Protein backbone atom coordinates (compact mmCIF):
# COMPACT_ATOMS: atom_id res chain seq x y z
CA MET A 1 2.79 -14.73 32.25
CA HIS A 2 5.63 -17.04 33.24
CA ALA A 3 4.91 -19.37 30.32
CA LEU A 4 5.20 -16.43 27.88
CA MET A 5 8.36 -15.17 29.48
CA ARG A 6 10.00 -18.63 29.19
CA GLN A 7 9.42 -18.29 25.45
CA THR A 8 10.57 -14.63 25.22
CA HIS A 9 14.15 -13.93 24.20
CA LEU A 10 15.80 -11.06 26.07
CA ASP A 11 19.06 -9.63 24.84
CA ASP A 12 22.08 -9.92 27.14
CA GLY A 13 22.08 -7.37 29.86
CA ILE A 14 18.27 -7.03 30.07
CA ALA A 15 17.01 -7.95 33.57
CA SER A 16 13.74 -9.86 33.49
CA THR A 17 12.10 -7.76 36.28
CA ARG A 18 8.49 -8.26 37.36
CA GLY A 19 7.55 -4.91 35.85
CA LEU A 20 9.08 -5.82 32.46
CA GLN A 21 7.39 -9.27 32.53
CA GLU A 22 3.95 -7.64 33.24
CA ASN A 23 4.39 -5.04 30.53
CA ILE A 24 5.42 -7.71 27.93
CA PHE A 25 2.46 -9.88 28.93
CA MET A 26 -0.01 -6.99 28.68
CA VAL A 27 1.38 -5.84 25.29
CA VAL A 28 1.00 -9.32 23.87
CA VAL A 29 -2.47 -9.96 25.34
CA CYS A 30 -3.92 -6.59 24.35
CA CYS A 31 -2.41 -6.79 20.82
CA LEU A 32 -3.87 -10.17 20.21
CA ALA A 33 -7.24 -9.11 21.62
CA GLU A 34 -7.11 -5.87 19.74
CA VAL A 35 -7.78 -3.95 22.91
CA PRO A 36 -6.09 -0.58 23.49
CA LEU A 37 -3.48 -0.50 26.23
CA MET A 38 -1.98 2.44 28.15
CA ILE A 39 1.16 1.57 30.20
CA VAL A 40 1.67 4.37 32.71
CA GLY A 41 4.86 4.68 34.74
CA PRO A 42 7.99 6.72 35.50
CA PRO A 43 11.02 6.69 33.23
CA GLY A 44 12.87 3.41 33.51
CA SER A 45 9.91 1.19 34.24
CA SER A 46 10.30 -0.78 30.98
CA LYS A 47 7.37 0.62 29.01
CA THR A 48 9.20 1.23 25.70
CA LEU A 49 11.49 -1.80 26.29
CA ALA A 50 8.47 -4.12 26.57
CA VAL A 51 7.10 -2.97 23.20
CA THR A 52 10.53 -3.42 21.59
CA ILE A 53 10.95 -6.91 23.02
CA VAL A 54 7.49 -7.95 21.83
CA ALA A 55 8.16 -6.62 18.34
CA ASP A 56 11.51 -8.49 18.26
CA ASN A 57 9.97 -11.76 19.45
CA ALA A 58 6.47 -11.71 17.81
CA ARG A 59 7.48 -12.22 14.19
CA GLY A 60 5.01 -14.92 13.27
CA ASP A 61 6.59 -17.81 11.32
CA TYR A 62 9.99 -16.15 11.66
CA SER A 63 9.88 -16.27 15.50
CA HIS A 64 12.28 -18.40 17.43
CA THR A 65 9.81 -19.96 19.86
CA ALA A 66 6.58 -21.90 19.53
CA VAL A 67 4.33 -19.43 21.40
CA TYR A 68 5.38 -16.53 19.19
CA LYS A 69 5.24 -18.69 16.01
CA SER A 70 1.61 -19.35 16.84
CA MET A 71 0.60 -15.70 16.82
CA PRO A 72 0.62 -13.11 14.09
CA SER A 73 3.59 -10.93 13.54
CA LEU A 74 3.04 -7.92 15.77
CA VAL A 75 4.16 -4.74 13.99
CA PRO A 76 4.31 -1.46 15.94
CA LEU A 77 3.88 1.87 14.20
CA HIS A 78 5.89 4.11 16.44
CA TYR A 79 4.92 7.74 17.22
CA GLN A 80 7.14 9.87 19.41
CA CYS A 81 4.89 12.28 21.17
CA SER A 82 6.09 15.78 22.08
CA ARG A 83 4.56 19.03 23.13
CA ARG A 84 4.43 19.97 19.50
CA SER A 85 2.39 16.87 18.52
CA THR A 86 -0.72 17.58 16.58
CA SER A 87 -4.01 15.85 16.24
CA ASN A 88 -3.41 15.42 12.51
CA GLU A 89 -0.13 13.62 13.20
CA ILE A 90 -1.81 11.23 15.67
CA LYS A 91 -4.71 10.66 13.33
CA ALA A 92 -2.30 9.88 10.43
CA ILE A 93 -0.45 7.23 12.47
CA PHE A 94 -3.73 5.50 13.36
CA GLU A 95 -4.88 5.65 9.72
CA ARG A 96 -1.59 4.15 8.59
CA ALA A 97 -2.06 1.24 11.04
CA ILE A 98 -5.60 0.66 9.84
CA THR A 99 -4.48 0.75 6.17
CA ARG A 100 -1.70 -1.74 6.90
CA GLN A 101 -4.07 -4.02 8.76
CA VAL A 102 -6.66 -3.94 6.01
CA LYS A 103 -3.95 -4.69 3.37
CA ALA A 104 -2.56 -7.57 5.47
CA LYS A 105 -6.03 -9.07 5.78
CA GLN A 106 -6.69 -8.72 2.08
CA GLU A 107 -3.38 -10.41 1.28
CA ARG A 108 -3.92 -13.03 3.96
CA VAL A 109 -0.71 -12.05 5.79
CA ASN A 110 -0.68 -13.06 9.44
CA THR A 111 0.28 -9.60 10.75
CA SER A 112 -1.27 -7.35 13.37
CA SER A 113 -0.27 -3.64 13.23
CA PHE A 114 -0.60 -1.53 16.35
CA VAL A 115 0.12 2.11 17.25
CA PHE A 116 2.83 2.71 19.86
CA MET A 117 2.67 6.29 21.18
CA ASP A 118 5.85 6.85 23.17
CA GLU A 119 5.99 9.59 25.86
CA ALA A 120 2.27 10.23 25.77
CA GLY A 121 2.37 11.58 29.28
CA LEU A 122 0.04 13.92 31.06
CA PRO A 123 0.35 17.58 30.19
CA GLU A 124 2.71 19.57 32.37
CA GLU A 125 1.08 21.88 34.80
CA GLY A 126 0.25 25.18 33.13
CA ARG A 127 0.66 23.69 29.68
CA GLU A 128 -1.58 21.84 27.29
CA SER A 129 1.35 19.92 25.75
CA LEU A 130 -0.39 16.63 25.06
CA LYS A 131 -4.04 17.44 25.56
CA VAL A 132 -4.66 17.55 21.81
CA PRO A 133 -2.85 14.29 21.02
CA LEU A 134 -4.58 12.39 23.84
CA ASN A 135 -7.94 13.78 22.86
CA CYS A 136 -7.29 12.71 19.28
CA TYR A 137 -6.16 9.30 20.55
CA ARG A 138 -9.55 8.91 22.26
CA THR A 139 -11.36 10.03 19.12
CA CYS A 140 -9.36 7.64 16.89
CA LEU A 141 -10.12 4.74 19.31
CA SER A 142 -13.81 5.54 19.29
CA GLN A 143 -13.77 5.64 15.43
CA ILE A 144 -11.78 2.41 15.18
CA LEU A 145 -13.99 0.66 17.72
CA GLN A 146 -17.24 2.13 16.34
CA PRO A 147 -18.73 -1.34 15.58
CA HIS A 148 -18.12 -2.21 19.22
CA ALA A 149 -19.02 1.18 20.68
CA HIS A 150 -21.39 -0.33 23.18
CA TYR A 151 -18.43 -1.56 25.22
CA ASN A 152 -15.40 0.44 23.95
CA PRO A 153 -12.76 -1.50 25.97
CA SER A 154 -9.29 -0.39 27.01
CA VAL A 155 -6.75 -1.47 29.56
CA ARG A 156 -4.39 0.66 31.62
CA THR A 157 -1.47 -0.68 33.66
CA ILE A 158 0.46 1.36 36.19
CA SER A 159 4.13 0.52 36.26
CA GLN A 160 6.50 1.32 39.14
CA LEU A 161 10.29 1.40 39.21
CA PRO A 162 11.83 -1.95 40.17
């Protein structure tokens, strides 16, 4: 983790907290391993910031440091969840990521697309706000990982405020 952080550029004013470092490390590792990742934590625990920093640093040959130059360009497809999110919207973002990835492989472009679902929290008590999107997320993962259904891996990290 520390070796990766030494090669990760942070804009001025961004504190390199332990939580941010862990989130950045897990985003990079899970993207490279093509393993789904859920980062769970309260507002301000660097979940979205970690994905933004990884996307800014992991630009393949256009990266500024050796470790990021050695990996594919990591391209997030952002989806802002809300209580009005639908399963069709979630499915569409996953399908777009798959289409981009297939095209990149066909064109031999060293890019890895991933879906970033922001604010995919638990439904509020008495509401079903994100039950449909999260169920669709699980369905999309099972379809994407169908060839590997016998182990269907995923990782979840729990972030805390610094």
